[in-house]
Every structure is written in C-alpha cells, then in structure tokens.
Amino acid sequence: MARSVLSFFTGAGLLDIGFRSANFDVVWHNEINPDFIKAFMYGHEKLYGLEKKELNLFEGSIESVRKSVISEKIGTGIIQSSEFGIIGGPPCPDFSNAGRNLGQAGENGKLTGIFVDLINDFLPKFFTLENVKGLIQKSNHRNYLAELLYKLSKEYCFDVRVLNSLEFGIPQDRERLFVVGFRKSHIFDTLGYASLIEIEKSNLHLINELKKKKIKNLNSFNWFDWPNNPSFQHAREKFSWPQTGPYGDDPMMPITIPSDLFVETKVFNASIENLANQQDVFKAYSDKFMTIEEGDISGKSFKRLHRWRFSPTAAYGNNEVHLHPYKPRRLSVREVMRIQSVPDEFELPENMSLSSKFKTISNGVPVKLATEIALSISRFLD
C-alpha cells in the first residue's frame, strides 16, 4: 500500500515525481508561484494523466495552510492518524552562496522556519527538507539550522547530509542539503529504546557542533541509511575529466569514466530531437556562441558544457542558460530537463515564457536523486 505524502513548495513537482516513483502517494500539494503552478499542472497531466481536481493543489502561501483545509481535501483520517509524510524544499536564495545571504531575515529565508513549525504542528510520521548547501556552510546560517533542528528534536530523530546528484548517475554537479526525520515513536518501535537514546545523543551533539564551528565531516553524525551508488561515489574528484578544447573540435570520449556522467550520453543523444520543449531555446545573438571553448565554465555567464563531462549546477535566472557543447546556442528547455533527470513524458506548456521555463525546471530536485532518497525512506519505514 502506498504511503501518503503532503508536498509543500511543490514547484513543478520534481521532488513529488521522485516520491511517486518510489510508490509514495502524493495526496496534496502547495505552491504560490503562478508559473510553477502552471508547469506542475500541465506536466503532471502529461506524465500521469491527472487532472487538476485529482492533484489537490492548494494555491497560496504556506502561512495560510491549516490541517482542516487539507483534511477536507484528502479525507480518510490520514491527518488525524499521522500516517503520512511531509516533503518540501523551501525557497533557498537567502542561504545560497550566489544570493544575498539574508538568511532567516530574508523573505524566502523565513519560510524554512515556517516549514519546520508546520512539521511540528502537523506531526507527520516522517519528513524530508531540501535546501542549498549554503545553509550549512556559513556560520550565521549554521546557527539558524541548529535552531531549526533543536525545534524538531522534541518529537523527531533526524539525519542531515549534503548529497551531490553527480554521485547518483546524473550528469550534473549539484550539491544540496537534505534533512530527513522520523517520529521518535517510530524509531522506538523499529530500532528499540537503546538505539533511540543513541540517536538522540547524536542529534544533540550535531546541534551543538553546528553552533560552535564548521563541521568538516557531517557524515560522521549519520545513522540513517542514505542512498549510495559506489560506481559514482566521489565522481568529481575520482575521475580524470577532459579539459577545455576548441569550439567545433571533436574530442575523444574517455573510456575510464562511466558514460552515465556524460551530458553527450544522457542529454544530447538523438532521441531528444522529437521531444516536446526541445525547440524551446533562446535565439543566438552573440559571437560568443562560436568562440567560447568547449568545456569552458570559468565565466560568470556563457558557460559552455563539455560533451564528455557533467553539467555545472543548473540554476538559471533571467536569460542566463549554459551553452550547448558543439552547437552555437544555449541549451533547450528539454535538454535542461534531461540534466535534471526529468522523465521525457513530462512537458511544459507553450504559454510560459522561456525564462520561466528554465527557472521552473532548474528550481527543482533532480528526479533521479529524489527517487533514491524516497526509496531509502521507504526501506527505513519498512
């Protein structure tokens, strides 16, 4: 039987797709951004054949959500019995190294705290929180994370880890912070009293270390069985990646690197040409499209992918999108979807601007990584 999940900060629903792929039933969603809502509705109809009324989407601020509002929509006593999970990735610009670093004081930053308060109010059996790595990198953000974890520690045992999508066979160097938590009653029933006490001690130790200094090895606090793929572990450092080369050249494919990590293999293969959103691309207007070397990602903009390497983090704003390895143009929307491991059946509507399409897709969790996390949670719940 599929486990029920409530999704907050749904966006286009990429995290949701991952949980659905792991046999969770995402019974309710919440989003406020009109473009994200449009993408979510259209994409899920194409992918799953679900209509709006079947998706139970609450359009509005997370601050407006009440248990009664959700109960009316999903029924069956799920909320009352706490037999459900909560997932969400609160907006992250205020914690991002590329942002203004306003932290909890920012309009987006405060939403992470509201999300934690909501978890404590709803008391789901388990939760997943996703955010940028910056939340644990800078001292002021670490202090805030420690405060949030302390709030959760009364009812939950939690685990924290930074995961890179590259280490799961996704050709993208994208590090994100994940927090998973389970009700202490479930930990007691599953692992026993002695394990519960040890995990509680570890959690409090983690909170104290976050307050004091930068943690060099966050993994030393882990007790949850996080997903792991030995074939791709430490891929960024382990393999000898090809360097930059002249635009228009034909570099040889390395034979010592797993082909799943090449954008040429996973993104630009011939099957992409007839897919929806492949023609959604900004028109070329600059000589730079034919002068930037293949693999040159040193600039703040006009980064060109290398066909036999992975993509830098897909985090696009305004008109800035990475360049195709060997064509004089930016990437297409469909190519970005593949970099985010979005199923080919998922589509975005024509009546969205190009900038909105790129921002919407790059805003989500890579689907394949979301699936791996969901499967690990499922195994633990079992």
Protein backbone atom coordinates (compact mmCIF):
# COMPACT_ATOMS: atom_id res chain seq x y z
CA MET A 1 0.00 0.00 0.00
CA ALA A 2 1.37 3.41 -0.99
CA ARG A 3 2.21 5.79 1.85
CA SER A 4 0.58 9.22 1.77
CA VAL A 5 2.67 12.38 1.41
CA LEU A 6 1.89 16.10 1.62
CA SER A 7 4.05 18.27 -0.63
CA PHE A 8 4.94 21.89 0.24
CA PHE A 9 6.80 24.34 -2.00
CA THR A 10 5.86 21.92 -4.77
CA GLY A 11 7.26 23.95 -7.67
CA ALA A 12 6.95 21.95 -10.88
CA GLY A 13 6.71 18.80 -8.74
CA LEU A 14 10.11 17.20 -9.41
CA LEU A 15 10.53 16.07 -5.80
CA ASP A 16 6.98 14.72 -5.97
CA ILE A 17 7.76 12.71 -9.11
CA GLY A 18 10.67 11.09 -7.30
CA PHE A 19 8.47 10.07 -4.37
CA ARG A 20 5.75 8.81 -6.71
CA SER A 21 8.39 6.71 -8.47
CA ALA A 22 9.18 5.12 -5.10
CA ASN A 23 5.49 4.20 -4.61
CA PHE A 24 4.51 7.08 -2.33
CA ASP A 25 1.09 8.63 -2.92
CA VAL A 26 1.45 12.41 -3.00
CA VAL A 27 -2.11 13.29 -1.99
CA TRP A 28 -1.83 17.07 -1.58
CA HIS A 29 0.36 19.90 -2.89
CA ASN A 30 1.04 23.54 -2.06
CA GLU A 31 2.51 26.25 -4.31
CA ILE A 32 2.14 30.01 -4.65
CA ASN A 33 4.17 30.88 -7.77
CA PRO A 34 1.81 31.11 -10.81
CA ASP A 35 4.44 29.84 -13.28
CA PHE A 36 5.34 26.89 -11.08
CA ILE A 37 1.64 26.06 -10.70
CA LYS A 38 1.12 26.17 -14.45
CA ALA A 39 4.13 23.90 -15.02
CA PHE A 40 3.05 21.48 -12.29
CA MET A 41 -0.49 21.11 -13.60
CA TYR A 42 0.47 20.72 -17.25
CA GLY A 43 3.44 18.44 -16.60
CA HIS A 44 1.58 16.07 -14.28
CA GLU A 45 -1.33 15.81 -16.67
CA LYS A 46 1.09 14.80 -19.44
CA LEU A 47 3.09 12.44 -17.24
CA TYR A 48 0.34 10.79 -15.21
CA GLY A 49 -2.90 11.76 -16.92
CA LEU A 50 -4.03 13.51 -13.71
CA GLU A 51 -6.47 16.40 -13.85
CA LYS A 52 -6.42 19.42 -11.54
CA LYS A 53 -9.11 18.09 -9.20
CA GLU A 54 -7.13 14.88 -8.73
CA LEU A 55 -3.95 16.71 -7.75
CA ASN A 56 -5.35 18.55 -4.70
CA LEU A 57 -3.26 21.68 -5.15
CA PHE A 58 -3.61 24.48 -2.60
CA GLU A 59 -2.62 27.71 -4.35
CA GLY A 60 -1.35 30.14 -1.74
CA SER A 61 1.17 30.84 0.98
CA ILE A 62 2.30 28.10 3.34
CA GLU A 63 1.32 30.50 6.12
CA SER A 64 -2.32 30.02 5.10
CA VAL A 65 -2.31 26.22 5.36
CA ARG A 66 -4.37 24.60 8.09
CA LYS A 67 -4.97 20.95 8.98
CA SER A 68 -8.68 21.41 8.36
CA VAL A 69 -8.01 22.71 4.83
CA ILE A 70 -6.06 19.54 3.95
CA SER A 71 -8.44 17.16 5.74
CA GLU A 72 -11.36 18.47 3.70
CA LYS A 73 -9.48 17.66 0.50
CA ILE A 74 -8.00 14.25 1.23
CA GLY A 75 -10.33 12.81 3.89
CA THR A 76 -9.81 9.22 5.15
CA GLY A 77 -8.41 10.36 8.52
CA ILE A 78 -4.80 10.47 7.29
CA ILE A 79 -4.05 13.76 9.06
CA GLN A 80 -5.66 12.69 12.32
CA SER A 81 -3.73 9.40 12.45
CA SER A 82 -0.39 10.99 11.45
CA GLU A 83 0.12 8.17 8.94
CA PHE A 84 1.66 10.45 6.34
CA GLY A 85 4.86 12.25 5.46
CA ILE A 86 5.71 15.85 4.60
CA ILE A 87 8.22 16.81 1.90
CA GLY A 88 9.38 20.20 0.69
CA GLY A 89 12.22 22.40 -0.49
CA PRO A 90 11.68 25.93 0.87
CA PRO A 91 12.97 28.76 -1.37
CA CYS A 92 16.74 28.97 -0.94
CA PRO A 93 18.15 32.26 -2.37
CA ASP A 94 18.67 33.75 1.09
CA PHE A 95 21.03 30.87 2.00
CA SER A 96 22.70 30.49 -1.38
CA ASN A 97 26.33 31.49 -1.94
CA ALA A 98 25.15 33.12 -5.15
CA GLY A 99 22.41 35.06 -3.36
CA ARG A 100 22.35 37.98 -0.93
CA ASN A 101 22.84 35.78 2.18
CA LEU A 102 19.99 37.41 4.08
CA GLY A 103 19.38 34.10 5.83
CA GLN A 104 16.40 33.78 8.15
CA ALA A 105 15.75 37.53 7.90
CA GLY A 106 15.03 37.31 4.17
CA GLU A 107 11.54 36.93 2.76
CA ASN A 108 12.48 33.49 1.43
CA GLY A 109 14.70 32.52 4.34
CA LYS A 110 11.92 32.82 6.92
CA LEU A 111 9.86 30.25 5.00
CA THR A 112 12.24 27.48 6.07
CA GLY A 113 11.42 28.27 9.69
CA ILE A 114 7.70 28.31 8.93
CA PHE A 115 8.08 24.91 7.25
CA VAL A 116 9.72 23.48 10.39
CA ASP A 117 6.97 24.94 12.57
CA LEU A 118 4.41 23.35 10.29
CA ILE A 119 6.08 19.94 10.66
CA ASN A 120 5.92 20.27 14.45
CA ASP A 121 2.27 21.30 14.20
CA PHE A 122 1.16 18.54 11.83
CA LEU A 123 3.40 15.82 13.36
CA PRO A 124 3.79 13.57 10.29
CA LYS A 125 5.38 10.16 10.67
CA PHE A 126 8.36 11.33 8.59
CA PHE A 127 9.57 14.40 6.70
CA THR A 128 12.12 15.48 4.10
CA LEU A 129 13.52 19.01 3.89
CA GLU A 130 15.76 20.09 0.99
CA ASN A 131 17.80 23.28 0.72
CA VAL A 132 21.08 24.64 -0.63
CA LYS A 133 24.44 23.65 0.80
CA GLY A 134 24.92 27.26 1.91
CA LEU A 135 22.58 26.59 4.85
CA ILE A 136 25.38 24.62 6.50
CA GLN A 137 28.42 26.43 5.07
CA LYS A 138 28.20 29.89 6.64
CA SER A 139 28.29 30.37 10.40
CA ASN A 140 25.14 32.51 10.65
CA HIS A 141 23.17 30.06 8.52
CA ARG A 142 24.52 27.10 10.55
CA ASN A 143 23.27 28.72 13.74
CA TYR A 144 19.84 29.04 12.18
CA LEU A 145 19.92 25.41 11.05
CA ALA A 146 20.86 24.41 14.60
CA GLU A 147 17.83 26.33 15.93
CA LEU A 148 15.53 24.58 13.47
CA LEU A 149 16.91 21.14 14.29
CA TYR A 150 16.53 21.86 18.00
CA LYS A 151 12.87 22.66 17.41
CA LEU A 152 12.46 19.32 15.66
CA SER A 153 14.37 17.34 18.28
CA LYS A 154 11.46 17.15 20.74
CA GLU A 155 9.37 14.89 18.51
CA TYR A 156 11.82 13.70 15.85
CA CYS A 157 15.06 11.92 15.26
CA PHE A 158 16.69 13.43 12.19
CA ASP A 159 19.67 12.96 9.92
CA VAL A 160 21.43 15.54 7.75
CA ARG A 161 23.59 15.08 4.67
CA VAL A 162 24.82 17.00 1.64
CA LEU A 163 24.21 14.93 -1.49
CA ASN A 164 25.56 15.57 -4.98
CA SER A 165 23.38 14.46 -7.89
CA LEU A 166 26.56 13.56 -9.79
CA GLU A 167 27.13 10.68 -7.37
CA PHE A 168 23.83 9.09 -8.43
CA GLY A 169 24.49 8.83 -12.14
CA ILE A 170 23.05 12.25 -13.02
CA PRO A 171 25.35 14.32 -15.27
CA GLN A 172 25.13 17.44 -13.10
CA ASP A 173 27.34 18.74 -10.30
CA ARG A 174 24.58 19.79 -7.91
CA GLU A 175 25.09 19.69 -4.14
CA ARG A 176 22.08 20.09 -1.88
CA LEU A 177 21.42 19.72 1.83
CA PHE A 178 18.81 17.15 2.88
CA VAL A 179 17.26 16.61 6.29
CA VAL A 180 15.13 13.52 6.89
CA GLY A 181 13.28 12.89 10.12
CA PHE A 182 11.12 10.23 11.75
CA ARG A 183 8.84 10.38 14.77
CA LYS A 184 10.59 9.11 17.88
CA SER A 185 7.75 6.66 18.44
CA HIS A 186 8.58 5.04 15.12
CA ILE A 187 12.30 4.91 15.95
CA PHE A 188 11.43 3.22 19.25
CA ASP A 189 9.16 0.67 17.56
CA THR A 190 11.66 -0.01 14.78
CA LEU A 191 15.09 0.12 16.40
CA GLY A 192 14.35 -0.13 20.12
CA TYR A 193 14.95 2.07 23.15
CA ALA A 194 18.76 1.81 23.24
CA SER A 195 19.08 2.94 19.61
CA LEU A 196 16.63 5.78 20.18
CA ILE A 197 18.77 7.10 23.06
CA GLU A 198 21.97 6.89 20.98
CA ILE A 199 20.38 8.71 18.05
CA GLU A 200 19.03 11.44 20.35
CA LYS A 201 22.55 11.95 21.75
CA SER A 202 23.98 12.14 18.24
CA ASN A 203 21.33 14.67 17.21
CA LEU A 204 22.06 16.94 20.18
CA HIS A 205 25.79 16.65 19.52
CA LEU A 206 25.22 17.70 15.91
CA ILE A 207 23.19 20.73 17.03
CA ASN A 208 25.96 21.81 19.41
CA GLU A 209 28.66 21.36 16.77
CA LEU A 210 26.67 23.43 14.28
CA LYS A 211 26.61 26.27 16.79
CA LYS A 212 30.35 26.12 17.50
CA LYS A 213 32.19 25.62 14.21
CA LYS A 214 32.12 24.42 10.64
CA ILE A 215 31.66 20.68 10.59
CA LYS A 216 34.36 19.03 8.48
CA ASN A 217 32.66 15.66 8.30
CA LEU A 218 28.90 15.89 8.53
CA ASN A 219 28.65 12.20 7.63
CA SER A 220 30.17 11.22 10.99
CA PHE A 221 26.81 12.03 12.58
CA ASN A 222 24.76 9.88 10.18
CA TRP A 223 22.63 6.97 11.35
CA PHE A 224 20.08 6.91 8.52
CA ASP A 225 20.88 4.62 5.57
CA TRP A 226 21.32 7.32 2.94
CA PRO A 227 21.29 6.24 -0.71
CA ASN A 228 24.69 5.47 -2.14
CA ASN A 229 25.97 4.30 -5.52
CA PRO A 230 29.59 3.06 -5.35
CA SER A 231 30.00 3.38 -9.13
CA PHE A 232 29.68 7.17 -8.93
CA GLN A 233 30.92 7.94 -5.41
CA HIS A 234 33.32 10.93 -5.34
CA ALA A 235 32.99 11.09 -9.13
CA ARG A 236 34.03 14.74 -9.35
CA GLU A 237 37.40 14.05 -7.74
CA LYS A 238 37.93 10.40 -8.66
CA PHE A 239 37.97 10.59 -12.45
CA SER A 240 40.33 12.40 -14.81
CA TRP A 241 37.89 14.67 -16.61
CA PRO A 242 38.77 16.15 -20.03
CA GLN A 243 39.75 19.81 -20.08
CA THR A 244 38.64 22.60 -22.39
CA GLY A 245 39.11 22.35 -26.14
CA PRO A 246 38.45 24.47 -29.26
CA TYR A 247 34.81 25.01 -30.19
CA GLY A 248 33.95 22.84 -33.19
CA ASP A 249 36.59 20.22 -32.39
CA ASP A 250 35.74 16.53 -31.93
CA PRO A 251 37.26 15.36 -28.61
CA MET A 252 37.54 11.63 -27.93
CA MET A 253 35.31 10.02 -25.33
CA PRO A 254 37.22 8.91 -22.20
CA ILE A 255 36.91 5.16 -21.62
CA THR A 256 37.66 5.21 -17.89
CA ILE A 257 34.65 7.31 -16.84
CA PRO A 258 31.08 5.93 -16.53
CA SER A 259 29.14 7.08 -19.59
CA ASP A 260 26.10 7.97 -17.44
CA LEU A 261 28.03 11.04 -16.27
CA PHE A 262 28.48 12.49 -19.77
CA VAL A 263 25.95 15.04 -20.99
CA GLU A 264 26.51 13.72 -24.51
CA THR A 265 25.29 10.27 -23.47
CA LYS A 266 22.38 11.23 -21.21
CA VAL A 267 21.24 14.55 -22.69
CA PHE A 268 22.19 15.17 -26.31
CA ASN A 269 21.53 11.73 -27.84
CA ALA A 270 19.37 11.54 -30.98
CA SER A 271 16.18 10.56 -29.12
CA ILE A 272 15.80 14.12 -27.84
CA GLU A 273 15.12 15.78 -31.19
CA ASN A 274 11.41 14.97 -31.44
CA LEU A 275 10.51 15.59 -27.80
CA ALA A 276 8.32 18.40 -26.52
CA ASN A 277 10.18 21.57 -25.44
CA GLN A 278 13.29 20.70 -27.46
CA GLN A 279 12.67 23.69 -29.71
CA ASP A 280 12.27 26.00 -26.70
CA VAL A 281 15.59 27.83 -26.88
CA PHE A 282 16.80 31.43 -26.91
CA LYS A 283 17.92 32.67 -30.31
CA ALA A 284 21.67 33.10 -30.79
CA TYR A 285 22.69 36.77 -30.90
CA SER A 286 26.35 36.93 -29.89
CA ASP A 287 29.69 35.96 -31.43
CA LYS A 288 30.48 34.32 -28.09
CA PHE A 289 28.35 31.34 -29.11
CA MET A 290 31.10 30.38 -31.56
CA THR A 291 34.19 31.48 -29.65
CA ILE A 292 33.77 30.07 -26.12
CA GLU A 293 35.77 26.83 -25.89
CA GLU A 294 34.04 23.53 -25.25
CA GLY A 295 34.12 22.90 -21.53
CA ASP A 296 34.96 26.48 -20.55
CA ILE A 297 32.80 27.18 -17.49
CA SER A 298 35.12 29.77 -15.95
CA GLY A 299 32.95 32.80 -16.70
CA LYS A 300 30.01 34.04 -14.69
CA SER A 301 27.89 33.64 -17.83
CA PHE A 302 28.29 31.94 -21.20
CA LYS A 303 29.46 28.67 -19.64
CA ARG A 304 29.86 26.01 -22.34
CA LEU A 305 29.34 22.36 -21.43
CA HIS A 306 31.81 19.68 -22.48
CA ARG A 307 30.20 16.71 -24.17
CA TRP A 308 32.33 14.24 -22.17
CA ARG A 309 31.79 15.90 -18.80
CA PHE A 310 28.91 16.68 -16.47
CA SER A 311 26.99 19.95 -16.36
CA PRO A 312 27.61 22.59 -13.69
CA THR A 313 24.65 23.20 -11.40
CA ALA A 314 21.52 24.07 -13.40
CA ALA A 315 20.44 27.26 -11.64
CA TYR A 316 19.25 29.64 -14.29
CA GLY A 317 18.00 33.17 -13.81
CA ASN A 318 16.76 35.72 -16.34
CA ASN A 319 18.24 34.78 -19.74
CA GLU A 320 21.38 33.03 -18.49
CA VAL A 321 21.49 29.36 -19.57
CA HIS A 322 24.52 27.19 -20.29
CA LEU A 323 25.75 26.76 -23.86
CA HIS A 324 25.50 23.60 -25.98
CA PRO A 325 28.87 21.80 -26.26
CA TYR A 326 29.13 21.90 -30.06
CA LYS A 327 26.22 23.98 -31.35
CA PRO A 328 26.18 27.82 -31.41
CA ARG A 329 23.29 28.25 -28.99
CA ARG A 330 22.10 27.98 -25.44
CA LEU A 331 20.60 24.77 -24.12
CA SER A 332 16.98 23.98 -24.85
CA VAL A 333 14.34 23.52 -22.16
CA ARG A 334 14.21 19.79 -22.87
CA GLU A 335 17.98 19.49 -22.55
CA VAL A 336 17.78 21.14 -19.15
CA MET A 337 15.01 18.71 -18.20
CA ARG A 338 17.32 15.83 -19.01
CA ILE A 339 20.12 17.39 -16.96
CA GLN A 340 17.57 17.40 -14.12
CA SER A 341 16.67 13.74 -14.94
CA VAL A 342 13.04 14.71 -15.61
CA PRO A 343 11.07 12.00 -17.47
CA ASP A 344 10.73 12.65 -21.20
CA GLU A 345 6.95 12.38 -20.85
CA PHE A 346 6.87 15.48 -18.63
CA GLU A 347 6.16 18.63 -20.65
CA LEU A 348 5.83 22.36 -20.10
CA PRO A 349 3.04 24.39 -21.74
CA GLU A 350 3.64 26.73 -24.66
CA ASN A 351 2.11 29.71 -22.85
CA MET A 352 5.07 30.09 -20.46
CA SER A 353 7.94 32.44 -21.22
CA LEU A 354 11.31 30.84 -21.94
CA SER A 355 12.86 32.43 -18.84
CA SER A 356 10.06 30.99 -16.69
CA LYS A 357 10.51 27.52 -18.17
CA PHE A 358 14.24 27.47 -17.43
CA LYS A 359 13.79 28.87 -13.93
CA THR A 360 10.98 26.43 -13.14
CA ILE A 361 12.94 23.34 -14.14
CA SER A 362 16.27 24.39 -12.63
CA ASN A 363 14.48 25.20 -9.35
CA GLY A 364 13.64 21.54 -8.61
CA VAL A 365 15.38 18.50 -7.15
CA PRO A 366 16.75 16.15 -9.85
CA VAL A 367 14.09 13.45 -10.15
CA LYS A 368 16.51 10.53 -10.02
CA LEU A 369 18.04 11.80 -6.77
CA ALA A 370 14.57 12.42 -5.30
CA THR A 371 13.66 8.82 -6.14
CA GLU A 372 16.76 7.45 -4.41
CA ILE A 373 16.01 9.42 -1.24
CA ALA A 374 12.38 8.30 -1.28
CA LEU A 375 13.42 4.64 -1.68
CA SER A 376 15.77 4.93 1.32
CA ILE A 377 12.94 6.41 3.42
CA SER A 378 10.62 3.65 2.29
CA ARG A 379 13.13 0.96 3.28
CA PHE A 380 13.55 2.53 6.72
CA LEU A 381 9.79 2.73 7.26
CA ASP A 382 9.56 -0.94 6.36
